[in-house]
Amino acid sequence: SPTRGVDSFMVENMHARSLALTLVLALTALIAAFAPGASAATYCLYAGDCYGVPANVYPATSQGFNDAGSAASSNPGADKIEIGHTPVELTSSVALNATPTNQLAIEGVGGDNSLIHVGMSSGYGLLMSFGGELASGSISNLKLKVDGPASGARLGLDLTGGRASGISVEVDSGPNEVESYGMSIDSGSECLYCSFAVSG
């Protein structure tokens, strides 16, 4: 009858809409599952557009390093700070923080020219406070040069949690042969393929 035809059409139309909605939801879930974390960001301590985001470029200085670290800490997700061909000159301490749910990776991308030069009068150069958790982050593919201070003591890298890999450490004891340390690896940390040399 005409009524049955209308009813049948409405039911079929509702089924088609339901199926279409199910397919859209399934596709959305699939894209979300395989898409990279939208909140992750890369910050650069070298000239360039930093993967199309000029605002994420910072000077290769203590202040630039600290500012990049603050930006990464405020941004949820697994962030990265890249060090290029320009040596990062530390004239004051740099403190970085990360956790397993807000990770941070420091990576040299300039080959043999990726260098952190620790040259302040005393104290630590780079303090990575990663909460004693290996999964909090990493530092990799870098040279770390620590100059001997005129007085006091100096530490190049203090790693509390996280993984160091491919780090080449050179310590200059200085003319007065005062205390200089390349790297301190605390609980919850590890150092893979790291090398150490002392001069001066």
C-alpha atoms as a PDB file:
ATOM      1  CA  SER A   1       0.000   0.000   0.000  1.00  0.00           C
ATOM      2  CA  PRO A   2       1.131   3.682  -0.262  1.00  0.00           C
ATOM      3  CA  THR A   3       1.518   3.875   3.537  1.00  0.00           C
ATOM      4  CA  ARG A   4       3.768   0.857   3.629  1.00  0.00           C
ATOM      5  CA  GLY A   5       5.907   2.342   0.873  1.00  0.00           C
ATOM      6  CA  VAL A   6       6.390   5.574   2.799  1.00  0.00           C
ATOM      7  CA  ASP A   7       7.162   3.726   6.029  1.00  0.00           C
ATOM      8  CA  SER A   8       9.637   1.482   4.246  1.00  0.00           C
ATOM      9  CA  PHE A   9      11.331   4.477   2.652  1.00  0.00           C
ATOM     10  CA  MET A  10      11.638   6.284   6.018  1.00  0.00           C
ATOM     11  CA  VAL A  11      13.121   3.228   7.729  1.00  0.00           C
ATOM     12  CA  GLU A  12      15.605   2.662   4.931  1.00  0.00           C
ATOM     13  CA  ASN A  13      16.539   6.344   4.988  1.00  0.00           C
ATOM     14  CA  MET A  14      17.154   6.243   8.763  1.00  0.00           C
ATOM     15  CA  HIS A  15      19.316   3.130   8.373  1.00  0.00           C
ATOM     16  CA  ALA A  16      21.367   4.828   5.666  1.00  0.00           C
ATOM     17  CA  ARG A  17      21.920   7.900   7.851  1.00  0.00           C
ATOM     18  CA  SER A  18      22.873   5.726  10.817  1.00  0.00           C
ATOM     19  CA  LEU A  19      25.360   3.790   8.703  1.00  0.00           C
ATOM     20  CA  ALA A  20      26.867   7.011   7.340  1.00  0.00           C
ATOM     21  CA  LEU A  21      27.265   8.429  10.856  1.00  0.00           C
ATOM     22  CA  THR A  22      28.901   5.203  12.045  1.00  0.00           C
ATOM     23  CA  LEU A  23      31.398   5.335   9.165  1.00  0.00           C
ATOM     24  CA  VAL A  24      32.243   8.990   9.890  1.00  0.00           C
ATOM     25  CA  LEU A  25      32.853   8.280  13.569  1.00  0.00           C
ATOM     26  CA  ALA A  26      34.997   5.239  12.769  1.00  0.00           C
ATOM     27  CA  LEU A  27      37.095   7.245  10.295  1.00  0.00           C
ATOM     28  CA  THR A  28      37.561  10.067  12.800  1.00  0.00           C
ATOM     29  CA  ALA A  29      38.748   7.624  15.453  1.00  0.00           C
ATOM     30  CA  LEU A  30      41.143   5.998  12.985  1.00  0.00           C
ATOM     31  CA  ILE A  31      42.685   9.337  12.005  1.00  0.00           C
ATOM     32  CA  ALA A  32      43.069  10.336  15.660  1.00  0.00           C
ATOM     33  CA  ALA A  33      44.756   7.037  16.494  1.00  0.00           C
ATOM     34  CA  PHE A  34      47.443   7.415  13.843  1.00  0.00           C
ATOM     35  CA  ALA A  35      47.895  11.181  13.807  1.00  0.00           C
ATOM     36  CA  PRO A  36      50.984  12.617  15.584  1.00  0.00           C
ATOM     37  CA  GLY A  37      50.420  14.406  18.877  1.00  0.00           C
ATOM     38  CA  ALA A  38      49.029  17.795  18.002  1.00  0.00           C
ATOM     39  CA  SER A  39      50.461  19.382  21.125  1.00  0.00           C
ATOM     40  CA  ALA A  40      54.101  18.365  20.552  1.00  0.00           C
ATOM     41  CA  ALA A  41      56.392  21.212  19.463  1.00  0.00           C
ATOM     42  CA  THR A  42      59.987  21.724  18.338  1.00  0.00           C
ATOM     43  CA  TYR A  43      62.079  24.690  19.492  1.00  0.00           C
ATOM     44  CA  CYS A  44      65.337  25.666  17.781  1.00  0.00           C
ATOM     45  CA  LEU A  45      68.515  27.244  19.146  1.00  0.00           C
ATOM     46  CA  TYR A  46      69.696  28.259  15.684  1.00  0.00           C
ATOM     47  CA  ALA A  47      68.739  30.551  12.832  1.00  0.00           C
ATOM     48  CA  GLY A  48      65.928  29.409  10.567  1.00  0.00           C
ATOM     49  CA  ASP A  49      62.179  29.109  10.557  1.00  0.00           C
ATOM     50  CA  CYS A  50      62.136  26.077  12.899  1.00  0.00           C
ATOM     51  CA  TYR A  51      59.908  23.865  10.761  1.00  0.00           C
ATOM     52  CA  GLY A  52      57.745  26.747   9.637  1.00  0.00           C
ATOM     53  CA  VAL A  53      57.280  28.302  13.093  1.00  0.00           C
ATOM     54  CA  PRO A  54      59.647  31.314  13.319  1.00  0.00           C
ATOM     55  CA  ALA A  55      58.382  32.115  16.817  1.00  0.00           C
ATOM     56  CA  ASN A  56      59.995  28.884  18.063  1.00  0.00           C
ATOM     57  CA  VAL A  57      63.535  30.082  17.240  1.00  0.00           C
ATOM     58  CA  TYR A  58      65.636  31.173  20.222  1.00  0.00           C
ATOM     59  CA  PRO A  59      69.195  32.546  20.534  1.00  0.00           C
ATOM     60  CA  ALA A  60      71.996  30.067  21.280  1.00  0.00           C
ATOM     61  CA  THR A  61      72.552  31.600  24.720  1.00  0.00           C
ATOM     62  CA  SER A  62      71.735  30.812  28.338  1.00  0.00           C
ATOM     63  CA  GLN A  63      68.665  33.050  28.179  1.00  0.00           C
ATOM     64  CA  GLY A  64      67.549  31.570  24.863  1.00  0.00           C
ATOM     65  CA  PHE A  65      67.956  28.036  26.216  1.00  0.00           C
ATOM     66  CA  ASN A  66      65.992  28.874  29.368  1.00  0.00           C
ATOM     67  CA  ASP A  67      63.239  30.556  27.326  1.00  0.00           C
ATOM     68  CA  ALA A  68      62.950  27.547  24.995  1.00  0.00           C
ATOM     69  CA  GLY A  69      62.775  25.267  28.044  1.00  0.00           C
ATOM     70  CA  SER A  70      60.029  27.385  29.603  1.00  0.00           C
ATOM     71  CA  ALA A  71      58.032  27.295  26.387  1.00  0.00           C
ATOM     72  CA  ALA A  72      58.397  23.509  26.192  1.00  0.00           C
ATOM     73  CA  SER A  73      57.415  23.094  29.836  1.00  0.00           C
ATOM     74  CA  SER A  74      54.263  25.157  29.296  1.00  0.00           C
ATOM     75  CA  ASN A  75      53.322  23.159  26.208  1.00  0.00           C
ATOM     76  CA  PRO A  76      51.828  19.722  26.948  1.00  0.00           C
ATOM     77  CA  GLY A  77      53.224  16.766  25.074  1.00  0.00           C
ATOM     78  CA  ALA A  78      56.590  15.415  23.976  1.00  0.00           C
ATOM     79  CA  ASP A  79      58.570  18.505  22.941  1.00  0.00           C
ATOM     80  CA  LYS A  80      62.050  18.868  21.482  1.00  0.00           C
ATOM     81  CA  ILE A  81      64.788  21.517  21.643  1.00  0.00           C
ATOM     82  CA  GLU A  82      67.239  21.291  18.757  1.00  0.00           C
ATOM     83  CA  ILE A  83      70.801  22.610  18.804  1.00  0.00           C
ATOM     84  CA  GLY A  84      72.277  23.340  15.385  1.00  0.00           C
ATOM     85  CA  HIS A  85      75.677  24.413  14.044  1.00  0.00           C
ATOM     86  CA  THR A  86      75.944  27.443  16.349  1.00  0.00           C
ATOM     87  CA  PRO A  87      77.545  26.605  19.727  1.00  0.00           C
ATOM     88  CA  VAL A  88      75.309  27.345  22.698  1.00  0.00           C
ATOM     89  CA  GLU A  89      77.268  29.597  25.037  1.00  0.00           C
ATOM     90  CA  LEU A  90      76.235  29.190  28.671  1.00  0.00           C
ATOM     91  CA  THR A  91      77.311  32.179  30.755  1.00  0.00           C
ATOM     92  CA  SER A  92      74.715  31.363  33.408  1.00  0.00           C
ATOM     93  CA  SER A  93      72.847  28.246  34.475  1.00  0.00           C
ATOM     94  CA  VAL A  94      70.045  26.671  32.438  1.00  0.00           C
ATOM     95  CA  ALA A  95      67.330  24.703  34.250  1.00  0.00           C
ATOM     96  CA  LEU A  96      64.996  22.391  32.321  1.00  0.00           C
ATOM     97  CA  ASN A  97      62.063  20.399  33.676  1.00  0.00           C
ATOM     98  CA  ALA A  98      60.150  17.429  32.310  1.00  0.00           C
ATOM     99  CA  THR A  99      57.969  14.509  33.396  1.00  0.00           C
ATOM    100  CA  PRO A 100      56.836  11.259  31.759  1.00  0.00           C
ATOM    101  CA  THR A 101      53.587  13.016  30.755  1.00  0.00           C
ATOM    102  CA  ASN A 102      55.304  16.220  29.568  1.00  0.00           C
ATOM    103  CA  GLN A 103      58.506  14.961  27.999  1.00  0.00           C
ATOM    104  CA  LEU A 104      61.455  16.939  26.657  1.00  0.00           C
ATOM    105  CA  ALA A 105      64.244  15.895  24.301  1.00  0.00           C
ATOM    106  CA  ILE A 106      67.409  17.950  23.715  1.00  0.00           C
ATOM    107  CA  GLU A 107      68.977  16.937  20.406  1.00  0.00           C
ATOM    108  CA  GLY A 108      71.998  18.075  18.435  1.00  0.00           C
ATOM    109  CA  VAL A 109      71.206  18.336  14.739  1.00  0.00           C
ATOM    110  CA  GLY A 110      74.388  20.079  13.572  1.00  0.00           C
ATOM    111  CA  GLY A 111      76.723  17.081  13.578  1.00  0.00           C
ATOM    112  CA  ASP A 112      80.129  17.798  15.134  1.00  0.00           C
ATOM    113  CA  ASN A 113      79.200  21.477  15.474  1.00  0.00           C
ATOM    114  CA  SER A 114      76.398  20.830  17.969  1.00  0.00           C
ATOM    115  CA  LEU A 115      78.124  22.098  21.102  1.00  0.00           C
ATOM    116  CA  ILE A 116      77.142  23.328  24.542  1.00  0.00           C
ATOM    117  CA  HIS A 117      79.964  25.443  25.972  1.00  0.00           C
ATOM    118  CA  VAL A 118      79.809  25.850  29.746  1.00  0.00           C
ATOM    119  CA  GLY A 119      81.792  28.960  30.621  1.00  0.00           C
ATOM    120  CA  MET A 120      80.190  30.634  33.627  1.00  0.00           C
ATOM    121  CA  SER A 121      82.285  31.513  36.683  1.00  0.00           C
ATOM    122  CA  SER A 122      80.994  28.611  38.794  1.00  0.00           C
ATOM    123  CA  GLY A 123      77.979  26.383  39.412  1.00  0.00           C
ATOM    124  CA  TYR A 124      76.194  24.045  37.028  1.00  0.00           C
ATOM    125  CA  GLY A 125      75.754  24.674  33.332  1.00  0.00           C
ATOM    126  CA  LEU A 126      72.732  22.573  32.375  1.00  0.00           C
ATOM    127  CA  LEU A 127      70.412  21.151  35.014  1.00  0.00           C
ATOM    128  CA  MET A 128      67.866  18.693  33.656  1.00  0.00           C
ATOM    129  CA  SER A 129      65.373  18.021  36.447  1.00  0.00           C
ATOM    130  CA  PHE A 130      63.404  15.094  35.048  1.00  0.00           C
ATOM    131  CA  GLY A 131      62.012  13.812  38.332  1.00  0.00           C
ATOM    132  CA  GLY A 132      64.233  10.734  38.463  1.00  0.00           C
ATOM    133  CA  GLU A 133      62.161   9.153  35.678  1.00  0.00           C
ATOM    134  CA  LEU A 134      63.927   7.636  32.676  1.00  0.00           C
ATOM    135  CA  ALA A 135      60.853   8.203  30.504  1.00  0.00           C
ATOM    136  CA  SER A 136      60.833  11.970  31.127  1.00  0.00           C
ATOM    137  CA  GLY A 137      63.178  12.837  28.277  1.00  0.00           C
ATOM    138  CA  SER A 138      66.650  12.753  26.806  1.00  0.00           C
ATOM    139  CA  ILE A 139      69.714  14.648  25.632  1.00  0.00           C
ATOM    140  CA  SER A 140      71.583  13.302  22.613  1.00  0.00           C
ATOM    141  CA  ASN A 141      74.159  13.847  19.854  1.00  0.00           C
ATOM    142  CA  LEU A 142      76.011  16.737  21.462  1.00  0.00           C
ATOM    143  CA  LYS A 143      79.439  17.890  22.546  1.00  0.00           C
ATOM    144  CA  LEU A 144      79.692  19.322  26.046  1.00  0.00           C
ATOM    145  CA  LYS A 145      82.750  21.479  26.750  1.00  0.00           C
ATOM    146  CA  VAL A 146      83.328  22.601  30.332  1.00  0.00           C
ATOM    147  CA  ASP A 147      85.948  25.296  31.004  1.00  0.00           C
ATOM    148  CA  GLY A 148      87.769  25.279  34.314  1.00  0.00           C
ATOM    149  CA  PRO A 149      86.678  28.229  36.487  1.00  0.00           C
ATOM    150  CA  ALA A 150      89.128  30.595  38.143  1.00  0.00           C
ATOM    151  CA  SER A 151      87.653  29.620  41.506  1.00  0.00           C
ATOM    152  CA  GLY A 152      84.827  27.575  42.942  1.00  0.00           C
ATOM    153  CA  ALA A 153      83.517  24.516  41.135  1.00  0.00           C
ATOM    154  CA  ARG A 154      81.722  23.951  37.862  1.00  0.00           C
ATOM    155  CA  LEU A 155      79.473  21.146  36.596  1.00  0.00           C
ATOM    156  CA  GLY A 156      78.598  20.805  32.923  1.00  0.00           C
ATOM    157  CA  LEU A 157      75.447  18.659  33.040  1.00  0.00           C
ATOM    158  CA  ASP A 158      73.387  17.453  35.975  1.00  0.00           C
ATOM    159  CA  LEU A 159      70.914  14.825  34.799  1.00  0.00           C
ATOM    160  CA  THR A 160      68.183  13.776  37.237  1.00  0.00           C
ATOM    161  CA  GLY A 161      66.091  11.327  35.248  1.00  0.00           C
ATOM    162  CA  GLY A 162      66.125  10.848  31.495  1.00  0.00           C
ATOM    163  CA  ARG A 163      68.669   9.363  29.099  1.00  0.00           C
ATOM    164  CA  ALA A 164      71.902  10.825  27.751  1.00  0.00           C
ATOM    165  CA  SER A 165      73.245   9.274  24.564  1.00  0.00           C
ATOM    166  CA  GLY A 166      75.985  10.166  22.129  1.00  0.00           C
ATOM    167  CA  ILE A 167      77.392  12.855  24.445  1.00  0.00           C
ATOM    168  CA  SER A 168      81.070  13.789  24.135  1.00  0.00           C
ATOM    169  CA  VAL A 169      82.306  15.565  27.274  1.00  0.00           C
ATOM    170  CA  GLU A 170      85.531  17.572  27.453  1.00  0.00           C
ATOM    171  CA  VAL A 171      86.604  19.139  30.749  1.00  0.00           C
ATOM    172  CA  ASP A 172      89.347  21.752  31.031  1.00  0.00           C
ATOM    173  CA  SER A 173      90.600  21.867  34.602  1.00  0.00           C
ATOM    174  CA  GLY A 174      91.808  25.449  34.116  1.00  0.00           C
ATOM    175  CA  PRO A 175      95.037  27.143  35.176  1.00  0.00           C
ATOM    176  CA  ASN A 176      94.300  26.733  38.870  1.00  0.00           C
ATOM    177  CA  GLU A 177      93.189  23.098  38.525  1.00  0.00           C
ATOM    178  CA  VAL A 178      90.034  23.712  40.535  1.00  0.00           C
ATOM    179  CA  GLU A 179      87.077  21.377  40.611  1.00  0.00           C
ATOM    180  CA  SER A 180      85.427  20.877  37.223  1.00  0.00           C
ATOM    181  CA  TYR A 181      82.980  18.089  36.452  1.00  0.00           C
ATOM    182  CA  GLY A 182      81.602  17.083  33.076  1.00  0.00           C
ATOM    183  CA  MET A 183      78.422  15.249  33.967  1.00  0.00           C
ATOM    184  CA  SER A 184      76.492  14.013  36.975  1.00  0.00           C
ATOM    185  CA  ILE A 185      74.156  11.065  36.342  1.00  0.00           C
ATOM    186  CA  ASP A 186      71.675  10.711  39.173  1.00  0.00           C
ATOM    187  CA  SER A 187      69.127   8.055  40.049  1.00  0.00           C
ATOM    188  CA  GLY A 188      66.659   7.300  37.279  1.00  0.00           C
ATOM    189  CA  SER A 189      69.130   8.325  34.551  1.00  0.00           C
ATOM    190  CA  GLU A 190      71.483   6.549  32.179  1.00  0.00           C
ATOM    191  CA  CYS A 191      74.270   7.469  29.795  1.00  0.00           C
ATOM    192  CA  LEU A 192      74.764   5.474  26.585  1.00  0.00           C
ATOM    193  CA  TYR A 193      77.673   5.950  24.165  1.00  0.00           C
ATOM    194  CA  CYS A 194      79.095   8.837  26.199  1.00  0.00           C
ATOM    195  CA  SER A 195      82.797   9.722  26.123  1.00  0.00           C
ATOM    196  CA  PHE A 196      84.895  11.817  28.500  1.00  0.00           C
ATOM    197  CA  ALA A 197      88.193  13.677  28.150  1.00  0.00           C
ATOM    198  CA  VAL A 198      90.174  15.949  30.498  1.00  0.00           C
ATOM    199  CA  SER A 199      92.598  18.679  29.438  1.00  0.00           C
ATOM    200  CA  GLY A 200      94.408  21.606  31.031  1.00  0.00           C
END
